[in-house]
Amino acid sequence: MSLIERLQSYMRHAAQERYEAVPVPPFTAFLHPFDGLIYFNYAIPDGPVAGDVREPLRRLRAVFQERGRVPRFEYVSELAPSLEAALLANGFRREAEARVMVCTRESFTPAPVPEGFSWSVLTSGSSREEIRVFSETSRRGFSPDEPYEASEEEISKTLGELKEGRSVLGRMEGSPAVVGSFTPPHGGITELGGVATLERFRKRGLGTALTSRVAQEAFARGVDMLFLSTITEEAGRIYERVGFRFLTRMLFLVDASHPEGASAPVTSE
C-alpha cells in the first residue's frame, strides 16, 4: 500500500470511528449521528470511480437528504482522478482544495521555544477548567469576533474525544495563546488539526512552536506519520519549518444547491 493509500485508509477509519458509515457503492457516506454541521457529514469514494455515476449519486443524495444533511465529498484527489469531473457534471461544485502535508520522524525539525512560552498536554484526565480554557481559546482563535463561552456539554464532549487523541494548550507568559491537537492514531498515522492562535499573539512563532510540541507528543505515542491539510500556501510554509512536506491534494465538493461561502476549515497562525 502506497503512502497516499495509507493516508486515505486512515481517513476512512477515522470517519468510521466518529460517524455512522452508510455504504452507497462506489461511495461510503459518513454521517454524524446528531450534528448536521456540514463538515461532520461527507462521502468518500471506495476507490477509483469509473463509468456512469448518476444512479449512485442519486442514491447517495437520498441518504444525505433523509437525514437532513448536505451532500458533500472529501477525498484524496489522486486516488479518484476522474471523480471531480463526474461530480461537477452532476450538480456538485468545488468547495475547496487542500494541500496535504506529512511529517515523519526523519523529516521532523523541532522548533525553538519562544521566551515566555509554556504548554499543557491535555488528556481525558485533565481538569474541566483546563478543557474550558482550551475550547474557548480554540474558538476565539478561529472566530475572534464571535462571542463564545464553552458549555458544560462542550467540555464533556471534548474530554470524551481525548481518550486516545491529545491536545496541547500553549500559554504566553501565563496567558492562553494557542492550541492544537492530534487525532487517535491508527496504523502509525495521526492527523494534526485545530492549530489556532489568538489574534494578539500572532506573528510570534507560537503556532510553529505549538505544532512542534504536538508532533513530539504524537511521535512519543509510536506514530510514524503525522499529516495535516491546509488551504493556503502561507500556512504550508509555517508547517515546513517543523518538517512537513507536501504529499498530495484533497478535494472538497458540495451539492451546488448549498449556499456559497461554506469552505473547508483552515488553520489560523
C-alpha atoms as a PDB file:
ATOM      1  CA  MET A   1       0.000   0.000   0.000  1.00  0.00           C
ATOM      2  CA  SER A   2       1.435   3.373  -1.018  1.00  0.00           C
ATOM      3  CA  LEU A   3       1.783   6.281   1.403  1.00  0.00           C
ATOM      4  CA  ILE A   4      -1.160   8.053  -0.221  1.00  0.00           C
ATOM      5  CA  GLU A   5      -3.322   4.912   0.000  1.00  0.00           C
ATOM      6  CA  ARG A   6      -2.398   4.573   3.685  1.00  0.00           C
ATOM      7  CA  LEU A   7      -3.451   8.167   4.194  1.00  0.00           C
ATOM      8  CA  GLN A   8      -6.873   7.687   2.583  1.00  0.00           C
ATOM      9  CA  SER A   9      -7.324   4.436   4.518  1.00  0.00           C
ATOM     10  CA  TYR A  10      -6.668   6.312   7.747  1.00  0.00           C
ATOM     11  CA  MET A  11      -9.226   8.964   6.800  1.00  0.00           C
ATOM     12  CA  ARG A  12     -11.841   6.266   6.210  1.00  0.00           C
ATOM     13  CA  HIS A  13     -11.015   4.610   9.528  1.00  0.00           C
ATOM     14  CA  ALA A  14     -11.150   7.902  11.439  1.00  0.00           C
ATOM     15  CA  ALA A  15     -14.504   8.770   9.868  1.00  0.00           C
ATOM     16  CA  GLN A  16     -15.922   5.347  10.689  1.00  0.00           C
ATOM     17  CA  GLU A  17     -14.824   5.705  14.312  1.00  0.00           C
ATOM     18  CA  ARG A  18     -16.685   9.002  14.705  1.00  0.00           C
ATOM     19  CA  TYR A  19     -19.660   8.698  12.374  1.00  0.00           C
ATOM     20  CA  GLU A  20     -22.244   6.275  11.025  1.00  0.00           C
ATOM     21  CA  ALA A  21     -20.908   4.623   7.852  1.00  0.00           C
ATOM     22  CA  VAL A  22     -23.533   4.032   5.150  1.00  0.00           C
ATOM     23  CA  PRO A  23     -22.313   2.100   2.075  1.00  0.00           C
ATOM     24  CA  VAL A  24     -23.600   3.520  -1.213  1.00  0.00           C
ATOM     25  CA  PRO A  25     -21.221   1.833  -3.701  1.00  0.00           C
ATOM     26  CA  PRO A  26     -18.909   3.078  -5.119  1.00  0.00           C
ATOM     27  CA  PHE A  27     -19.059   5.543  -2.199  1.00  0.00           C
ATOM     28  CA  THR A  28     -19.449   5.441   1.575  1.00  0.00           C
ATOM     29  CA  ALA A  29     -21.342   8.166   3.387  1.00  0.00           C
ATOM     30  CA  PHE A  30     -20.100   9.134   6.851  1.00  0.00           C
ATOM     31  CA  LEU A  31     -22.837  10.865   8.844  1.00  0.00           C
ATOM     32  CA  HIS A  32     -22.718  12.394  12.303  1.00  0.00           C
ATOM     33  CA  PRO A  33     -25.412  10.789  14.482  1.00  0.00           C
ATOM     34  CA  PHE A  34     -26.930  14.097  15.592  1.00  0.00           C
ATOM     35  CA  ASP A  35     -24.942  17.107  14.324  1.00  0.00           C
ATOM     36  CA  GLY A  36     -25.852  18.400  10.859  1.00  0.00           C
ATOM     37  CA  LEU A  37     -22.791  20.680  10.579  1.00  0.00           C
ATOM     38  CA  ILE A  38     -21.588  20.357   7.004  1.00  0.00           C
ATOM     39  CA  TYR A  39     -18.019  19.409   7.964  1.00  0.00           C
ATOM     40  CA  PHE A  40     -19.231  16.427  10.021  1.00  0.00           C
ATOM     41  CA  ASN A  41     -21.091  14.770   7.146  1.00  0.00           C
ATOM     42  CA  TYR A  42     -19.445  13.693   3.889  1.00  0.00           C
ATOM     43  CA  ALA A  43     -18.783  10.845   1.474  1.00  0.00           C
ATOM     44  CA  ILE A  44     -15.509   9.193   0.456  1.00  0.00           C
ATOM     45  CA  PRO A  45     -15.131   7.113  -2.727  1.00  0.00           C
ATOM     46  CA  ASP A  46     -14.331   3.465  -2.057  1.00  0.00           C
ATOM     47  CA  GLY A  47     -11.634   3.596  -4.728  1.00  0.00           C
ATOM     48  CA  PRO A  48     -11.161   4.847  -8.296  1.00  0.00           C
ATOM     49  CA  VAL A  49     -14.550   5.669  -9.814  1.00  0.00           C
ATOM     50  CA  ALA A  50     -15.354   4.906 -13.444  1.00  0.00           C
ATOM     51  CA  GLY A  51     -18.440   4.842 -15.619  1.00  0.00           C
ATOM     52  CA  ASP A  52     -21.820   6.435 -15.160  1.00  0.00           C
ATOM     53  CA  VAL A  53     -22.294   7.613 -11.552  1.00  0.00           C
ATOM     54  CA  ARG A  54     -25.700   9.240 -11.925  1.00  0.00           C
ATOM     55  CA  GLU A  55     -27.595   6.445 -10.186  1.00  0.00           C
ATOM     56  CA  PRO A  56     -25.099   6.032  -7.296  1.00  0.00           C
ATOM     57  CA  LEU A  57     -25.174   9.811  -6.772  1.00  0.00           C
ATOM     58  CA  ARG A  58     -28.969   9.789  -6.749  1.00  0.00           C
ATOM     59  CA  ARG A  59     -28.914   7.139  -4.020  1.00  0.00           C
ATOM     60  CA  LEU A  60     -26.197   8.996  -2.118  1.00  0.00           C
ATOM     61  CA  ARG A  61     -28.170  12.235  -2.206  1.00  0.00           C
ATOM     62  CA  ALA A  62     -31.205  10.377  -0.870  1.00  0.00           C
ATOM     63  CA  VAL A  63     -29.170   9.071   2.096  1.00  0.00           C
ATOM     64  CA  PHE A  64     -27.986  12.576   2.983  1.00  0.00           C
ATOM     65  CA  GLN A  65     -31.368  14.179   2.481  1.00  0.00           C
ATOM     66  CA  GLU A  66     -33.221  11.569   4.566  1.00  0.00           C
ATOM     67  CA  ARG A  67     -31.053  12.668   7.496  1.00  0.00           C
ATOM     68  CA  GLY A  68     -31.282  16.380   6.781  1.00  0.00           C
ATOM     69  CA  ARG A  69     -27.647  16.573   5.668  1.00  0.00           C
ATOM     70  CA  VAL A  70     -26.000  18.418   2.763  1.00  0.00           C
ATOM     71  CA  PRO A  71     -24.473  16.007   0.178  1.00  0.00           C
ATOM     72  CA  ARG A  72     -20.718  16.527   0.258  1.00  0.00           C
ATOM     73  CA  PHE A  73     -17.424  14.786  -0.596  1.00  0.00           C
ATOM     74  CA  GLU A  74     -13.949  14.823   0.977  1.00  0.00           C
ATOM     75  CA  TYR A  75     -11.277  12.669  -0.664  1.00  0.00           C
ATOM     76  CA  VAL A  76      -7.691  12.420  -1.884  1.00  0.00           C
ATOM     77  CA  SER A  77      -7.941  13.509  -5.496  1.00  0.00           C
ATOM     78  CA  GLU A  78      -5.072  11.327  -6.747  1.00  0.00           C
ATOM     79  CA  LEU A  79      -6.926   8.122  -5.819  1.00  0.00           C
ATOM     80  CA  ALA A  80     -10.100   9.011  -7.751  1.00  0.00           C
ATOM     81  CA  PRO A  81      -8.826  11.251 -10.552  1.00  0.00           C
ATOM     82  CA  SER A  82     -11.991  11.225 -12.686  1.00  0.00           C
ATOM     83  CA  LEU A  83     -14.463  11.779  -9.857  1.00  0.00           C
ATOM     84  CA  GLU A  84     -14.364  15.572  -9.723  1.00  0.00           C
ATOM     85  CA  ALA A  85     -15.445  15.937 -13.350  1.00  0.00           C
ATOM     86  CA  ALA A  86     -18.295  13.495 -12.757  1.00  0.00           C
ATOM     87  CA  LEU A  87     -19.436  15.379  -9.662  1.00  0.00           C
ATOM     88  CA  LEU A  88     -19.281  18.760 -11.402  1.00  0.00           C
ATOM     89  CA  ALA A  89     -21.393  17.330 -14.212  1.00  0.00           C
ATOM     90  CA  ASN A  90     -23.960  16.076 -11.724  1.00  0.00           C
ATOM     91  CA  GLY A  91     -24.816  19.101  -9.636  1.00  0.00           C
ATOM     92  CA  PHE A  92     -21.850  19.499  -7.284  1.00  0.00           C
ATOM     93  CA  ARG A  93     -19.429  22.412  -7.020  1.00  0.00           C
ATOM     94  CA  ARG A  94     -15.891  22.587  -5.722  1.00  0.00           C
ATOM     95  CA  GLU A  95     -15.891  23.900  -2.181  1.00  0.00           C
ATOM     96  CA  ALA A  96     -12.132  23.914  -1.645  1.00  0.00           C
ATOM     97  CA  GLU A  97      -8.860  22.230  -2.472  1.00  0.00           C
ATOM     98  CA  ALA A  98      -6.383  21.487   0.301  1.00  0.00           C
ATOM     99  CA  ARG A  99      -2.701  20.675   0.292  1.00  0.00           C
ATOM    100  CA  VAL A 100      -1.982  17.527   2.305  1.00  0.00           C
ATOM    101  CA  MET A 101       1.373  17.653   4.080  1.00  0.00           C
ATOM    102  CA  VAL A 102       3.111  14.929   6.065  1.00  0.00           C
ATOM    103  CA  CYS A 103       5.794  14.894   8.725  1.00  0.00           C
ATOM    104  CA  THR A 104       7.796  11.789   9.646  1.00  0.00           C
ATOM    105  CA  ARG A 105      10.305  11.109  12.394  1.00  0.00           C
ATOM    106  CA  GLU A 106      13.051  11.600   9.814  1.00  0.00           C
ATOM    107  CA  SER A 107      11.795  14.944   8.493  1.00  0.00           C
ATOM    108  CA  PHE A 108      10.736  16.389  11.855  1.00  0.00           C
ATOM    109  CA  THR A 109      12.678  19.515  12.869  1.00  0.00           C
ATOM    110  CA  PRO A 110      11.897  20.736  16.410  1.00  0.00           C
ATOM    111  CA  ALA A 111      11.082  24.442  16.502  1.00  0.00           C
ATOM    112  CA  PRO A 112      12.689  26.822  19.005  1.00  0.00           C
ATOM    113  CA  VAL A 113      10.573  27.674  22.039  1.00  0.00           C
ATOM    114  CA  PRO A 114       9.844  31.434  22.273  1.00  0.00           C
ATOM    115  CA  GLU A 115      10.764  33.086  25.541  1.00  0.00           C
ATOM    116  CA  GLY A 116       7.833  33.039  27.938  1.00  0.00           C
ATOM    117  CA  PHE A 117       6.085  30.185  26.122  1.00  0.00           C
ATOM    118  CA  SER A 118       4.789  27.163  28.068  1.00  0.00           C
ATOM    119  CA  TRP A 119       2.276  24.427  27.363  1.00  0.00           C
ATOM    120  CA  SER A 120      -0.029  21.855  28.913  1.00  0.00           C
ATOM    121  CA  VAL A 121      -0.754  18.481  27.318  1.00  0.00           C
ATOM    122  CA  LEU A 122      -4.452  17.746  27.766  1.00  0.00           C
ATOM    123  CA  THR A 123      -5.858  14.243  28.130  1.00  0.00           C
ATOM    124  CA  SER A 124      -9.136  12.693  29.259  1.00  0.00           C
ATOM    125  CA  GLY A 125      -7.809  13.122  32.814  1.00  0.00           C
ATOM    126  CA  SER A 126      -7.394  16.887  32.537  1.00  0.00           C
ATOM    127  CA  SER A 127      -9.492  19.213  34.654  1.00  0.00           C
ATOM    128  CA  ARG A 128     -12.693  20.660  33.274  1.00  0.00           C
ATOM    129  CA  GLU A 129     -11.239  24.132  33.763  1.00  0.00           C
ATOM    130  CA  GLU A 130      -8.276  23.314  31.507  1.00  0.00           C
ATOM    131  CA  ILE A 131     -10.656  21.953  28.894  1.00  0.00           C
ATOM    132  CA  ARG A 132     -12.806  25.080  29.147  1.00  0.00           C
ATOM    133  CA  VAL A 133      -9.783  27.314  28.544  1.00  0.00           C
ATOM    134  CA  PHE A 134      -8.672  25.112  25.634  1.00  0.00           C
ATOM    135  CA  SER A 135     -12.126  25.183  23.996  1.00  0.00           C
ATOM    136  CA  GLU A 136     -12.532  28.938  24.347  1.00  0.00           C
ATOM    137  CA  THR A 137      -9.014  29.634  23.060  1.00  0.00           C
ATOM    138  CA  SER A 138      -9.668  27.404  20.057  1.00  0.00           C
ATOM    139  CA  ARG A 139     -12.965  29.046  19.142  1.00  0.00           C
ATOM    140  CA  ARG A 140     -11.630  32.575  19.610  1.00  0.00           C
ATOM    141  CA  GLY A 141      -8.536  31.725  17.594  1.00  0.00           C
ATOM    142  CA  PHE A 142     -10.645  30.733  14.592  1.00  0.00           C
ATOM    143  CA  SER A 143     -13.531  33.187  15.144  1.00  0.00           C
ATOM    144  CA  PRO A 144     -12.171  36.223  17.014  1.00  0.00           C
ATOM    145  CA  ASP A 145     -15.347  38.274  16.606  1.00  0.00           C
ATOM    146  CA  GLU A 146     -17.736  35.564  17.787  1.00  0.00           C
ATOM    147  CA  PRO A 147     -18.788  35.728  21.457  1.00  0.00           C
ATOM    148  CA  TYR A 148     -18.263  32.268  22.900  1.00  0.00           C
ATOM    149  CA  GLU A 149     -18.246  30.530  26.250  1.00  0.00           C
ATOM    150  CA  ALA A 150     -17.749  26.766  26.419  1.00  0.00           C
ATOM    151  CA  SER A 151     -20.826  24.962  27.733  1.00  0.00           C
ATOM    152  CA  GLU A 152     -20.644  22.048  30.148  1.00  0.00           C
ATOM    153  CA  GLU A 153     -21.824  19.819  27.288  1.00  0.00           C
ATOM    154  CA  GLU A 154     -18.977  21.012  25.064  1.00  0.00           C
ATOM    155  CA  ILE A 155     -16.440  20.425  27.849  1.00  0.00           C
ATOM    156  CA  SER A 156     -17.734  16.883  28.401  1.00  0.00           C
ATOM    157  CA  LYS A 157     -17.656  16.199  24.641  1.00  0.00           C
ATOM    158  CA  THR A 158     -14.052  17.416  24.371  1.00  0.00           C
ATOM    159  CA  LEU A 159     -12.989  15.274  27.332  1.00  0.00           C
ATOM    160  CA  GLY A 160     -14.554  12.245  25.661  1.00  0.00           C
ATOM    161  CA  GLU A 161     -12.662  12.897  22.427  1.00  0.00           C
ATOM    162  CA  LEU A 162      -9.346  12.981  24.325  1.00  0.00           C
ATOM    163  CA  LYS A 163      -9.481   9.301  25.282  1.00  0.00           C
ATOM    164  CA  GLU A 164      -6.959   8.408  22.586  1.00  0.00           C
ATOM    165  CA  GLY A 165      -6.020  11.707  20.966  1.00  0.00           C
ATOM    166  CA  ARG A 166      -4.129  14.541  22.570  1.00  0.00           C
ATOM    167  CA  SER A 167      -4.494  18.310  22.656  1.00  0.00           C
ATOM    168  CA  VAL A 168      -1.956  20.951  23.644  1.00  0.00           C
ATOM    169  CA  LEU A 169      -2.730  24.341  25.156  1.00  0.00           C
ATOM    170  CA  GLY A 170       0.063  26.875  24.781  1.00  0.00           C
ATOM    171  CA  ARG A 171       0.444  29.910  27.039  1.00  0.00           C
ATOM    172  CA  MET A 172       2.479  33.057  26.627  1.00  0.00           C
ATOM    173  CA  GLU A 173       3.665  34.408  29.973  1.00  0.00           C
ATOM    174  CA  GLY A 174       0.813  32.512  31.593  1.00  0.00           C
ATOM    175  CA  SER A 175      -1.980  33.688  29.261  1.00  0.00           C
ATOM    176  CA  PRO A 176      -3.728  31.171  26.960  1.00  0.00           C
ATOM    177  CA  ALA A 177      -2.492  31.875  23.434  1.00  0.00           C
ATOM    178  CA  VAL A 178      -2.554  28.899  21.047  1.00  0.00           C
ATOM    179  CA  VAL A 179      -3.986  25.380  20.763  1.00  0.00           C
ATOM    180  CA  GLY A 180      -3.583  22.273  18.616  1.00  0.00           C
ATOM    181  CA  SER A 181      -4.443  18.571  18.643  1.00  0.00           C
ATOM    182  CA  PHE A 182      -3.770  15.218  17.034  1.00  0.00           C
ATOM    183  CA  THR A 183      -6.357  12.535  16.418  1.00  0.00           C
ATOM    184  CA  PRO A 184      -6.326   8.945  17.773  1.00  0.00           C
ATOM    185  CA  PRO A 185      -3.503   7.147  15.919  1.00  0.00           C
ATOM    186  CA  HIS A 186      -4.241   4.172  13.665  1.00  0.00           C
ATOM    187  CA  GLY A 187      -1.767   2.180  11.617  1.00  0.00           C
ATOM    188  CA  GLY A 188       1.037   4.520  12.651  1.00  0.00           C
ATOM    189  CA  ILE A 189      -0.772   7.605  11.306  1.00  0.00           C
ATOM    190  CA  THR A 190      -2.452  10.553  13.005  1.00  0.00           C
ATOM    191  CA  GLU A 191      -3.792  13.922  11.888  1.00  0.00           C
ATOM    192  CA  LEU A 192      -2.728  17.312  13.203  1.00  0.00           C
ATOM    193  CA  GLY A 193      -5.626  19.719  13.425  1.00  0.00           C
ATOM    194  CA  GLY A 194      -7.138  22.720  15.086  1.00  0.00           C
ATOM    195  CA  VAL A 195      -3.983  24.828  15.383  1.00  0.00           C
ATOM    196  CA  ALA A 196      -5.289  28.302  16.236  1.00  0.00           C
ATOM    197  CA  THR A 197      -3.600  31.352  17.735  1.00  0.00           C
ATOM    198  CA  LEU A 198      -5.398  34.255  19.415  1.00  0.00           C
ATOM    199  CA  GLU A 199      -5.091  37.446  17.368  1.00  0.00           C
ATOM    200  CA  ARG A 200      -2.919  39.372  19.831  1.00  0.00           C
ATOM    201  CA  PHE A 201      -0.338  36.566  19.892  1.00  0.00           C
ATOM    202  CA  ARG A 202       0.025  36.027  16.138  1.00  0.00           C
ATOM    203  CA  LYS A 203       3.219  36.544  14.114  1.00  0.00           C
ATOM    204  CA  ARG A 204       5.362  35.491  17.077  1.00  0.00           C
ATOM    205  CA  GLY A 205       6.076  31.875  16.118  1.00  0.00           C
ATOM    206  CA  LEU A 206       3.673  30.393  18.647  1.00  0.00           C
ATOM    207  CA  GLY A 207       1.781  28.307  16.092  1.00  0.00           C
ATOM    208  CA  THR A 208       5.056  26.806  14.906  1.00  0.00           C
ATOM    209  CA  ALA A 209       6.187  26.079  18.476  1.00  0.00           C
ATOM    210  CA  LEU A 210       2.832  24.511  19.312  1.00  0.00           C
ATOM    211  CA  THR A 211       2.879  22.365  16.149  1.00  0.00           C
ATOM    212  CA  SER A 212       6.359  21.168  17.090  1.00  0.00           C
ATOM    213  CA  ARG A 213       5.140  20.157  20.536  1.00  0.00           C
ATOM    214  CA  VAL A 214       2.094  18.313  19.155  1.00  0.00           C
ATOM    215  CA  ALA A 215       4.361  16.419  16.753  1.00  0.00           C
ATOM    216  CA  GLN A 216       6.647  15.387  19.614  1.00  0.00           C
ATOM    217  CA  GLU A 217       3.658  14.081  21.562  1.00  0.00           C
ATOM    218  CA  ALA A 218       2.443  12.118  18.542  1.00  0.00           C
ATOM    219  CA  PHE A 219       5.811  10.544  17.821  1.00  0.00           C
ATOM    220  CA  ALA A 220       6.129   9.602  21.513  1.00  0.00           C
ATOM    221  CA  ARG A 221       2.906   7.620  21.050  1.00  0.00           C
ATOM    222  CA  GLY A 222       4.504   5.478  18.339  1.00  0.00           C
ATOM    223  CA  VAL A 223       3.185   7.402  15.334  1.00  0.00           C
ATOM    224  CA  ASP A 224       5.418   7.309  12.255  1.00  0.00           C
ATOM    225  CA  MET A 225       3.493   9.806  10.121  1.00  0.00           C
ATOM    226  CA  LEU A 226       1.635  12.954  11.092  1.00  0.00           C
ATOM    227  CA  PHE A 227      -0.421  14.694   8.411  1.00  0.00           C
ATOM    228  CA  LEU A 228      -2.461  17.845   8.006  1.00  0.00           C
ATOM    229  CA  SER A 229      -4.408  19.639   5.315  1.00  0.00           C
ATOM    230  CA  THR A 230      -4.150  23.345   4.649  1.00  0.00           C
ATOM    231  CA  ILE A 231      -5.857  25.622   2.167  1.00  0.00           C
ATOM    232  CA  THR A 232      -3.175  28.299   1.851  1.00  0.00           C
ATOM    233  CA  GLU A 233       0.444  28.271   0.709  1.00  0.00           C
ATOM    234  CA  GLU A 234       1.263  30.665   3.557  1.00  0.00           C
ATOM    235  CA  ALA A 235       0.106  28.193   6.211  1.00  0.00           C
ATOM    236  CA  GLY A 236       2.033  25.451   4.406  1.00  0.00           C
ATOM    237  CA  ARG A 237       5.263  27.402   4.830  1.00  0.00           C
ATOM    238  CA  ILE A 238       4.649  27.569   8.574  1.00  0.00           C
ATOM    239  CA  TYR A 239       4.446  23.784   8.767  1.00  0.00           C
ATOM    240  CA  GLU A 240       7.503  23.311   6.558  1.00  0.00           C
ATOM    241  CA  ARG A 241       9.548  24.844   9.381  1.00  0.00           C
ATOM    242  CA  VAL A 242       8.966  21.755  11.529  1.00  0.00           C
ATOM    243  CA  GLY A 243       9.407  19.194   8.765  1.00  0.00           C
ATOM    244  CA  PHE A 244       6.056  18.871   6.998  1.00  0.00           C
ATOM    245  CA  ARG A 245       6.317  18.195   3.267  1.00  0.00           C
ATOM    246  CA  PHE A 246       3.685  18.318   0.521  1.00  0.00           C
ATOM    247  CA  LEU A 247       2.336  14.879  -0.414  1.00  0.00           C
ATOM    248  CA  THR A 248      -0.939  15.196  -2.321  1.00  0.00           C
ATOM    249  CA  ARG A 249      -4.164  17.159  -2.574  1.00  0.00           C
ATOM    250  CA  MET A 250      -7.620  16.735  -1.131  1.00  0.00           C
ATOM    251  CA  LEU A 251     -10.800  17.921  -2.765  1.00  0.00           C
ATOM    252  CA  PHE A 252     -13.960  19.126  -1.039  1.00  0.00           C
ATOM    253  CA  LEU A 253     -17.091  19.189  -3.182  1.00  0.00           C
ATOM    254  CA  VAL A 254     -20.592  20.059  -2.055  1.00  0.00           C
ATOM    255  CA  ASP A 255     -24.050  19.925  -3.597  1.00  0.00           C
ATOM    256  CA  ALA A 256     -24.368  23.066  -5.732  1.00  0.00           C
ATOM    257  CA  SER A 257     -27.685  23.939  -4.079  1.00  0.00           C
ATOM    258  CA  HIS A 258     -25.822  24.627  -0.823  1.00  0.00           C
ATOM    259  CA  PRO A 259     -25.223  28.389  -0.381  1.00  0.00           C
ATOM    260  CA  GLU A 260     -21.840  29.753  -1.400  1.00  0.00           C
ATOM    261  CA  GLY A 261     -19.449  30.671   1.384  1.00  0.00           C
ATOM    262  CA  ALA A 262     -19.034  27.301   3.130  1.00  0.00           C
ATOM    263  CA  SER A 263     -15.457  26.109   2.895  1.00  0.00           C
ATOM    264  CA  ALA A 264     -13.206  23.545   4.468  1.00  0.00           C
ATOM    265  CA  PRO A 265     -11.735  24.503   7.861  1.00  0.00           C
ATOM    266  CA  VAL A 266      -8.466  26.421   7.676  1.00  0.00           C
ATOM    267  CA  THR A 267      -5.618  26.718  10.099  1.00  0.00           C
ATOM    268  CA  SER A 268      -5.052  30.023  11.911  1.00  0.00           C
ATOM    269  CA  GLU A 269      -1.496  31.035  12.810  1.00  0.00           C
END
